Structures are given as structure tokens and as C-alpha cells.
Amino acid sequence: MSELIQQFFNVDIMRQAFPYLMSGLFVTITLTAVLAPLGFACGLGLAVMSEARPAGVRWLVRAWVNVFRTMPPLVLIVITFSALPFLGIRLPAIICAVIALLLNNTAYYCEIIRAGLGSVSPGQMEAARSTGLGYKDSLRYVVLPQALRNVLPDLVSNTIEVVKATSLASIVGVYDLLYSASTIRSVTFNTSALTLAAIIYLTILLPAVRLSGRLERRPKTV
């Protein structure tokens, strides 16, 4: 038991590792602050396009979503980081990670918002149009607010997944929370830094998980 505590809960190593983990946490938060709003905005645009009348547009959106929902984000990161130099495009590892993760989480945001649009009764659009609003204004001011409210728990849950997915950027050397903890482990041959990283993730994400649970119990708009 003492060996287990020494290997995973060494307080002295945790204390020394803490400043380095905070630097990694800043990168993790920065990645999330970029990926979550961009992913939501792009997903919203694709979800609206998926409701467009031209069948070709709907087909392209659904093909995009199916491809990037199917591809594991780790594979996307490795492909983006490895393939772009062969095209003459050399980007920092963190930018490659952002591009890959954005492709992935945009597809998930799109599906969530599209489900929200489908949850709103068609009568809401008809009622809005009957007041003289055009299609775009009816969608913007009447349908979308209800749709987003209906899928708010899923949007929060997906944002939590975005935070966790940022840890995959460490595979290409992005100095995030996981990478800093893994580096310290390789130097100290002790897992306590990873334990502390897990505690930090838990501290950040547990309130969001509880919020998502509370939102799921709210009644939906029909």
C-alpha cells in the first residue's frame, strides 16, 4: 500500500509539478476557448445549411458530418500534422491540433443543433411566417432559440468532450496539461503528476457535468 501511495500520490512531487501543470492547463484552456466557440459557430452554420432546400447542399453537409464524426480525433491530429508538410504547408503543432479537433467537434455540434431544429414543431415556423417574418428571421428569432434551448444539455456535454479531447494534442508535442504531466512522469519515473492532472481535470469538469445533468431535467420546448 505504501508503494502505491508513493507511486501515485507523492505529495512532494505533486508540489514541485504544480507550476508546470498550471502552464499546461493554460494551454488546455486556450485550446478549449478557441475550439468550443468556433466549433459551435461552424456547427450552427452547417446545421442551418442541412435544412436548405437544394438536396445537393444537404447531401454535402451530411457527408461532411458522417466523415468527421467517424474519424477518431487522434487519427485526424496525426494525419493533419503529418500530411500538411507534404503539401508545402508547415504549421505549428498547436495549429494542426486545432484544425483536426475543429473538424471533429464541428461535426458533433452540427448533429446536436440539427436534432434541436428537428425537435421544434413545424407550426412554430408557420406561426412566425404568418406574422410577416421572412424565412431567415423566423429561423433566427423563433426557431433557433427554441432549438438551442432543447439541446442545451447536449451542447454542454459536447463542450466537456472538447475539453477532454484537447489532451490528444499532446501526441504531436503540444504542451498542454497531459503533456506536462507525462513529461514530469518520464523525468521522475513517478505517476503522481498524472494523478494531479487527473484531479485538475476532475475539478474543472465536474461542475460542468453536474450542470449538464440539471439542464437535462428541464422541460423542452415543443
Protein backbone atom coordinates (compact mmCIF):
# COMPACT_ATOMS: atom_id res chain seq x y z
CA MET A 1 0.00 0.00 0.00
CA SER A 2 2.83 2.39 0.84
CA GLU A 3 4.39 1.73 -2.59
CA LEU A 4 1.07 2.57 -4.26
CA ILE A 5 0.84 5.85 -2.37
CA GLN A 6 4.46 6.67 -3.13
CA GLN A 7 3.97 5.99 -6.86
CA PHE A 8 0.63 7.75 -7.40
CA PHE A 9 0.19 10.21 -4.50
CA ASN A 10 3.65 11.55 -3.76
CA VAL A 11 2.85 14.95 -2.31
CA ASP A 12 6.38 16.30 -2.75
CA ILE A 13 6.40 15.51 -6.49
CA MET A 14 2.88 16.96 -6.85
CA ARG A 15 4.02 20.17 -5.17
CA GLN A 16 7.01 20.52 -7.50
CA ALA A 17 4.95 19.60 -10.56
CA PHE A 18 2.11 22.02 -9.84
CA PRO A 19 3.61 25.14 -11.57
CA TYR A 20 4.38 23.14 -14.71
CA LEU A 21 0.87 21.68 -14.74
CA MET A 22 -0.57 25.18 -14.43
CA SER A 23 1.35 26.17 -17.57
CA GLY A 24 -0.08 23.15 -19.34
CA LEU A 25 -3.56 23.95 -18.01
CA PHE A 26 -3.32 27.42 -19.55
CA VAL A 27 -2.71 25.81 -22.97
CA THR A 28 -5.64 23.42 -22.40
CA ILE A 29 -7.95 26.32 -21.53
CA THR A 30 -6.71 28.30 -24.54
CA LEU A 31 -7.40 25.37 -26.86
CA THR A 32 -10.89 24.99 -25.42
CA ALA A 33 -11.57 28.72 -25.68
CA VAL A 34 -10.75 28.54 -29.39
CA LEU A 35 -12.32 25.19 -30.26
CA ALA A 36 -15.66 25.42 -28.44
CA PRO A 37 -16.91 28.76 -29.89
CA LEU A 38 -15.53 28.03 -33.36
CA GLY A 39 -16.93 24.51 -33.34
CA PHE A 40 -20.34 25.78 -32.23
CA ALA A 41 -20.40 28.55 -34.85
CA CYS A 42 -19.33 26.24 -37.68
CA GLY A 43 -21.71 23.52 -36.47
CA LEU A 44 -24.56 26.02 -36.37
CA GLY A 45 -23.82 27.10 -39.92
CA LEU A 46 -23.72 23.51 -41.15
CA ALA A 47 -26.94 22.65 -39.28
CA VAL A 48 -28.75 25.55 -40.93
CA MET A 49 -27.35 24.53 -44.32
CA SER A 50 -28.62 20.99 -43.72
CA GLU A 51 -32.14 22.43 -43.71
CA ALA A 52 -31.62 24.13 -47.08
CA ARG A 53 -33.87 23.23 -49.98
CA PRO A 54 -31.20 22.20 -52.54
CA ALA A 55 -30.73 18.48 -51.97
CA GLY A 56 -27.09 18.75 -53.03
CA VAL A 57 -26.31 21.08 -50.12
CA ARG A 58 -27.99 18.75 -47.63
CA TRP A 59 -26.07 15.79 -49.05
CA LEU A 60 -22.72 17.58 -48.78
CA VAL A 61 -23.36 18.62 -45.18
CA ARG A 62 -24.39 15.13 -44.12
CA ALA A 63 -21.39 13.61 -45.90
CA TRP A 64 -19.08 16.06 -44.09
CA VAL A 65 -20.67 15.26 -40.75
CA ASN A 66 -20.57 11.50 -41.26
CA VAL A 67 -16.90 11.52 -42.30
CA PHE A 68 -15.61 13.65 -39.44
CA ARG A 69 -17.81 12.04 -36.79
CA THR A 70 -16.47 8.65 -37.86
CA MET A 71 -12.79 9.63 -37.89
CA PRO A 72 -11.16 9.35 -34.43
CA PRO A 73 -9.82 12.78 -33.42
CA LEU A 74 -6.41 11.30 -32.61
CA VAL A 75 -6.13 9.98 -36.18
CA LEU A 76 -7.17 13.38 -37.54
CA ILE A 77 -4.47 15.11 -35.49
CA VAL A 78 -1.74 12.74 -36.68
CA ILE A 79 -2.86 12.95 -40.32
CA THR A 80 -3.06 16.76 -40.23
CA PHE A 81 0.33 17.10 -38.55
CA SER A 82 1.99 14.59 -40.90
CA ALA A 83 0.28 15.35 -44.21
CA LEU A 84 0.37 19.14 -44.42
CA PRO A 85 4.18 19.36 -44.81
CA PHE A 86 3.92 17.16 -47.94
CA LEU A 87 1.59 19.81 -49.37
CA GLY A 88 4.15 22.51 -48.64
CA ILE A 89 2.20 23.78 -45.64
CA ARG A 90 4.19 23.90 -42.41
CA LEU A 91 2.20 24.92 -39.36
CA PRO A 92 2.94 24.79 -35.63
CA ALA A 93 1.78 21.61 -33.91
CA ILE A 94 -0.84 23.50 -31.91
CA ILE A 95 -2.43 24.88 -35.11
CA CYS A 96 -2.54 21.39 -36.64
CA ALA A 97 -4.24 20.12 -33.48
CA VAL A 98 -6.78 22.95 -33.59
CA ILE A 99 -7.62 22.22 -37.24
CA ALA A 100 -8.05 18.50 -36.63
CA LEU A 101 -10.11 18.86 -33.46
CA LEU A 102 -12.23 21.59 -35.06
CA LEU A 103 -13.13 19.29 -37.95
CA ASN A 104 -14.23 16.67 -35.44
CA ASN A 105 -16.18 18.76 -32.95
CA THR A 106 -17.87 20.85 -35.67
CA ALA A 107 -19.50 17.66 -36.93
CA TYR A 108 -20.81 16.83 -33.45
CA TYR A 109 -22.09 20.36 -32.81
CA CYS A 110 -23.84 20.23 -36.20
CA GLU A 111 -25.66 16.99 -35.37
CA ILE A 112 -26.74 18.29 -31.97
CA ILE A 113 -28.09 21.54 -33.37
CA ARG A 114 -29.75 19.72 -36.26
CA ALA A 115 -31.52 17.49 -33.73
CA GLY A 116 -32.61 20.64 -31.92
CA LEU A 117 -34.08 22.09 -35.10
CA GLY A 118 -35.96 18.86 -35.64
CA SER A 119 -37.37 18.99 -32.11
CA VAL A 120 -39.20 22.27 -32.76
CA SER A 121 -42.70 21.84 -34.17
CA PRO A 122 -43.08 22.99 -37.81
CA GLY A 123 -46.02 25.05 -36.57
CA GLN A 124 -43.54 27.42 -34.92
CA MET A 125 -42.07 28.34 -38.29
CA GLU A 126 -45.52 28.66 -39.83
CA ALA A 127 -46.69 30.90 -36.99
CA ALA A 128 -43.63 33.12 -37.36
CA ARG A 129 -44.09 33.38 -41.13
CA SER A 130 -47.74 34.30 -40.64
CA THR A 131 -46.68 37.40 -38.70
CA GLY A 132 -44.79 38.69 -41.74
CA LEU A 133 -41.29 37.50 -40.83
CA GLY A 134 -39.17 36.08 -43.64
CA TYR A 135 -37.67 32.60 -43.51
CA LYS A 136 -34.27 33.74 -42.18
CA ASP A 137 -35.78 35.98 -39.49
CA SER A 138 -38.25 33.26 -38.47
CA LEU A 139 -35.37 30.83 -38.14
CA ARG A 140 -33.17 33.31 -36.27
CA TYR A 141 -35.68 34.77 -33.82
CA VAL A 142 -38.22 31.98 -33.33
CA VAL A 143 -36.97 28.51 -34.24
CA LEU A 144 -33.27 28.66 -33.34
CA PRO A 145 -33.72 29.96 -29.76
CA GLN A 146 -36.14 27.11 -29.02
CA ALA A 147 -33.94 24.55 -30.76
CA LEU A 148 -30.83 25.58 -28.83
CA ARG A 149 -32.72 25.54 -25.55
CA ASN A 150 -33.91 22.00 -26.24
CA VAL A 151 -30.39 20.69 -26.87
CA LEU A 152 -28.56 22.82 -24.30
CA PRO A 153 -27.65 19.78 -22.15
CA ASP A 154 -26.14 18.08 -25.20
CA LEU A 155 -24.23 21.23 -26.13
CA VAL A 156 -22.77 21.39 -22.62
CA SER A 157 -21.88 17.69 -22.75
CA ASN A 158 -20.18 18.12 -26.11
CA THR A 159 -18.19 21.08 -24.80
CA ILE A 160 -17.00 18.85 -21.95
CA GLU A 161 -15.85 16.36 -24.59
CA VAL A 162 -13.99 19.19 -26.35
CA VAL A 163 -12.08 19.91 -23.13
CA LYS A 164 -11.13 16.26 -22.78
CA ALA A 165 -10.22 15.96 -26.47
CA THR A 166 -7.62 18.74 -26.13
CA SER A 167 -5.46 16.21 -24.26
CA LEU A 168 -4.99 14.40 -27.58
CA ALA A 169 -2.94 17.35 -28.83
CA SER A 170 -0.10 16.10 -26.63
CA ILE A 171 0.57 13.37 -29.23
CA VAL A 172 2.16 15.98 -31.51
CA GLY A 173 4.02 17.75 -28.72
CA VAL A 174 1.54 20.45 -27.72
CA TYR A 175 2.46 21.41 -24.15
CA ASP A 176 -0.98 21.00 -22.62
CA LEU A 177 -1.93 19.65 -19.20
CA LEU A 178 -1.47 15.99 -20.16
CA TYR A 179 1.83 16.60 -21.95
CA SER A 180 3.31 18.46 -18.99
CA ALA A 181 2.23 15.68 -16.61
CA SER A 182 3.62 12.98 -18.93
CA THR A 183 6.93 14.85 -19.22
CA ILE A 184 7.29 15.04 -15.45
CA ARG A 185 6.49 11.34 -15.16
CA SER A 186 9.22 10.50 -17.68
CA VAL A 187 11.73 12.50 -15.64
CA THR A 188 10.75 11.35 -12.15
CA PHE A 189 9.60 7.81 -13.05
CA ASN A 190 6.63 8.55 -10.82
CA THR A 191 2.94 8.81 -11.76
CA SER A 192 1.95 11.40 -9.14
CA ALA A 193 2.00 14.25 -11.68
CA LEU A 194 -0.56 12.39 -13.79
CA THR A 195 -2.67 11.84 -10.69
CA LEU A 196 -2.58 15.58 -10.02
CA ALA A 197 -3.51 16.27 -13.68
CA ALA A 198 -6.50 13.93 -13.30
CA ILE A 199 -7.55 15.81 -10.15
CA ILE A 200 -7.33 19.12 -12.04
CA TYR A 201 -9.46 17.75 -14.89
CA LEU A 202 -11.97 16.47 -12.34
CA THR A 203 -12.10 19.82 -10.54
CA ILE A 204 -12.75 21.69 -13.79
CA LEU A 205 -15.21 19.30 -15.42
CA LEU A 206 -17.27 18.01 -12.51
CA PRO A 207 -19.29 21.27 -12.13
CA ALA A 208 -19.98 21.22 -15.88
CA VAL A 209 -21.14 17.60 -15.70
CA ARG A 210 -23.48 18.45 -12.83
CA LEU A 211 -24.79 21.46 -14.79
CA SER A 212 -25.47 19.23 -17.78
CA GLY A 213 -27.42 16.84 -15.55
CA ARG A 214 -29.55 19.66 -14.17
CA LEU A 215 -30.26 21.01 -17.65
CA GLU A 216 -31.43 17.57 -18.80
CA ARG A 217 -34.22 17.70 -16.22
CA ARG A 218 -35.60 20.97 -17.63
CA PRO A 219 -38.75 20.71 -19.78
CA LYS A 220 -38.26 21.07 -23.53
CA THR A 221 -39.99 23.45 -25.93
CA VAL A 222 -42.28 21.72 -28.43
